[in-house]
C-alpha atoms as a PDB file:
ATOM      1  CA  MET A   1      -2.733 -20.873  -8.537  1.00  0.00           C
ATOM      2  CA  ALA A   2      -2.855 -17.393 -10.074  1.00  0.00           C
ATOM      3  CA  LEU A   3      -4.572 -16.064  -6.937  1.00  0.00           C
ATOM      4  CA  LEU A   4      -1.763 -17.386  -4.746  1.00  0.00           C
ATOM      5  CA  ARG A   5       0.847 -15.682  -6.918  1.00  0.00           C
ATOM      6  CA  GLN A   6      -1.093 -12.417  -6.777  1.00  0.00           C
ATOM      7  CA  LEU A   7      -1.364 -12.611  -2.993  1.00  0.00           C
ATOM      8  CA  PHE A   8       2.359 -13.337  -2.598  1.00  0.00           C
ATOM      9  CA  THR A   9       3.186 -10.576  -5.095  1.00  0.00           C
ATOM     10  CA  ALA A  10       1.031  -8.214  -3.047  1.00  0.00           C
ATOM     11  CA  GLY A  11       3.437  -8.840  -0.177  1.00  0.00           C
ATOM     12  CA  LEU A  12       1.251 -11.074   1.956  1.00  0.00           C
ATOM     13  CA  SER A  13       2.913 -13.756   4.032  1.00  0.00           C
ATOM     14  CA  SER A  14       1.949 -17.400   3.735  1.00  0.00           C
ATOM     15  CA  LYS A  15       0.340 -17.157   7.184  1.00  0.00           C
ATOM     16  CA  VAL A  16      -1.920 -14.283   6.098  1.00  0.00           C
ATOM     17  CA  ILE A  17      -2.726 -16.051   2.837  1.00  0.00           C
ATOM     18  CA  ALA A  18      -3.656 -19.234   4.721  1.00  0.00           C
ATOM     19  CA  GLY A  19      -6.099 -17.199   6.793  1.00  0.00           C
ATOM     20  CA  PHE A  20      -7.460 -15.492   3.697  1.00  0.00           C
ATOM     21  CA  LEU A  21      -8.184 -18.567   1.564  1.00  0.00           C
ATOM     22  CA  PRO A  22     -11.185 -19.782   3.607  1.00  0.00           C
ATOM     23  CA  ALA A  23     -12.746 -16.351   3.105  1.00  0.00           C
ATOM     24  CA  VAL A  24     -12.302 -16.760  -0.643  1.00  0.00           C
ATOM     25  CA  ASP A  25     -14.106 -20.098  -0.498  1.00  0.00           C
ATOM     26  CA  ALA A  26     -16.864 -18.641   1.702  1.00  0.00           C
ATOM     27  CA  GLY A  27     -17.255 -15.569  -0.476  1.00  0.00           C
ATOM     28  CA  ARG A  28     -16.811 -13.143   2.411  1.00  0.00           C
ATOM     29  CA  ALA A  29     -14.256 -12.053   4.954  1.00  0.00           C
ATOM     30  CA  SER A  30     -14.648 -11.677   8.684  1.00  0.00           C
ATOM     31  CA  PRO A  31     -14.108  -8.281  10.313  1.00  0.00           C
ATOM     32  CA  GLU A  32     -10.928  -9.688  11.862  1.00  0.00           C
ATOM     33  CA  LEU A  33      -9.573 -10.744   8.493  1.00  0.00           C
ATOM     34  CA  LEU A  34     -10.422  -7.371   6.983  1.00  0.00           C
ATOM     35  CA  ALA A  35      -8.588  -5.675   9.858  1.00  0.00           C
ATOM     36  CA  ARG A  36      -5.562  -7.933   9.284  1.00  0.00           C
ATOM     37  CA  LEU A  37      -5.562  -7.163   5.551  1.00  0.00           C
ATOM     38  CA  ARG A  38      -5.722  -3.431   6.311  1.00  0.00           C
ATOM     39  CA  GLU A  39      -2.735  -3.832   8.650  1.00  0.00           C
ATOM     40  CA  GLU A  40      -0.842  -5.631   5.892  1.00  0.00           C
ATOM     41  CA  ARG A  41      -1.712  -2.830   3.451  1.00  0.00           C
ATOM     42  CA  ALA A  42      -0.428  -0.219   5.911  1.00  0.00           C
ATOM     43  CA  ALA A  43       2.814  -2.166   6.381  1.00  0.00           C
ATOM     44  CA  ILE A  44       3.302  -2.467   2.611  1.00  0.00           C
ATOM     45  CA  ARG A  45       2.703   1.267   2.161  1.00  0.00           C
ATOM     46  CA  ALA A  46       5.228   2.017   4.919  1.00  0.00           C
ATOM     47  CA  ARG A  47       7.833  -0.196   3.222  1.00  0.00           C
ATOM     48  CA  ALA A  48       7.095   1.518  -0.099  1.00  0.00           C
ATOM     49  CA  ALA A  49       7.670   4.919   1.530  1.00  0.00           C
ATOM     50  CA  GLU A  50      10.975   3.675   2.949  1.00  0.00           C
ATOM     51  CA  LEU A  51      12.023   2.485  -0.507  1.00  0.00           C
ATOM     52  CA  ARG A  52      11.079   5.845  -2.055  1.00  0.00           C
ATOM     53  CA  GLU A  53      13.218   7.602   0.572  1.00  0.00           C
ATOM     54  CA  ALA A  54      16.111   5.231  -0.110  1.00  0.00           C
ATOM     55  CA  GLY A  55      15.750   5.994  -3.821  1.00  0.00           C
ATOM     56  CA  ARG A  56      15.754   9.743  -3.103  1.00  0.00           C
ATOM     57  CA  ARG A  57      18.948   9.415  -1.092  1.00  0.00           C
ATOM     58  CA  LEU A  58      20.533   7.269  -3.776  1.00  0.00           C
ATOM     59  CA  ASP A  59      19.645   9.932  -6.365  1.00  0.00           C
ATOM     60  CA  MET A  60      21.450  12.493  -4.212  1.00  0.00           C
ATOM     61  CA  LEU A  61      24.466  10.224  -3.856  1.00  0.00           C
ATOM     62  CA  ILE A  62      24.600   9.689  -7.616  1.00  0.00           C
ATOM     63  CA  GLY A  63      24.372  13.450  -8.142  1.00  0.00           C
ATOM     64  CA  LEU A  64      27.174  14.118  -5.687  1.00  0.00           C
ATOM     65  CA  ALA A  65      29.345  11.400  -7.246  1.00  0.00           C
ATOM     66  CA  ALA A  66      28.655  12.522 -10.809  1.00  0.00           C
ATOM     67  CA  HIS A  67      29.350  16.205 -10.081  1.00  0.00           C
ATOM     68  CA  PRO A  68      31.836  16.385  -7.224  1.00  0.00           C
ATOM     69  CA  ASP A  69      32.892  19.761  -5.925  1.00  0.00           C
ATOM     70  CA  GLU A  70      36.081  20.811  -4.192  1.00  0.00           C
ATOM     71  CA  ALA A  71      34.468  20.749  -0.752  1.00  0.00           C
ATOM     72  CA  ALA A  72      34.862  17.692   1.391  1.00  0.00           C
ATOM     73  CA  CYS A  73      32.359  14.915   1.062  1.00  0.00           C
ATOM     74  CA  PRO A  74      29.330  15.783   3.183  1.00  0.00           C
ATOM     75  CA  ALA A  75      28.851  13.906   6.425  1.00  0.00           C
ATOM     76  CA  SER A  76      25.281  13.204   5.360  1.00  0.00           C
ATOM     77  CA  LEU A  77      23.353  13.174   2.116  1.00  0.00           C
ATOM     78  CA  ASP A  78      20.977  15.807   3.509  1.00  0.00           C
ATOM     79  CA  ARG A  79      23.840  18.276   4.022  1.00  0.00           C
ATOM     80  CA  GLY A  80      25.274  17.456   0.610  1.00  0.00           C
ATOM     81  CA  ALA A  81      21.943  18.066  -1.081  1.00  0.00           C
ATOM     82  CA  ALA A  82      21.439  21.314   0.839  1.00  0.00           C
ATOM     83  CA  ARG A  83      24.902  22.526  -0.116  1.00  0.00           C
ATOM     84  CA  ARG A  84      24.316  21.600  -3.767  1.00  0.00           C
ATOM     85  CA  ALA A  85      20.880  23.330  -3.783  1.00  0.00           C
ATOM     86  CA  ALA A  86      22.392  26.493  -2.289  1.00  0.00           C
ATOM     87  CA  SER A  87      24.986  26.674  -5.037  1.00  0.00           C
ATOM     88  CA  VAL A  88      22.403  26.459  -7.846  1.00  0.00           C
END
């Protein structure tokens, strides 16, 4: 049961887990399963990068909201951060 929780927590779908469990019982994974697990790892890392970027943008938004200036609200967070960096 703990293994299933760990696999779900790792971000694996039930379909991938179902394909993985026979390898656990056999004590080895096929090359196809290893390739699938590597694809899953790449997808998880891509989602993590997207979340980090969302967090970076949210940090900028919080900074702009906490310390507003007289200029109009920037059309994008990138321009707002650039304008704020230039004034420092």
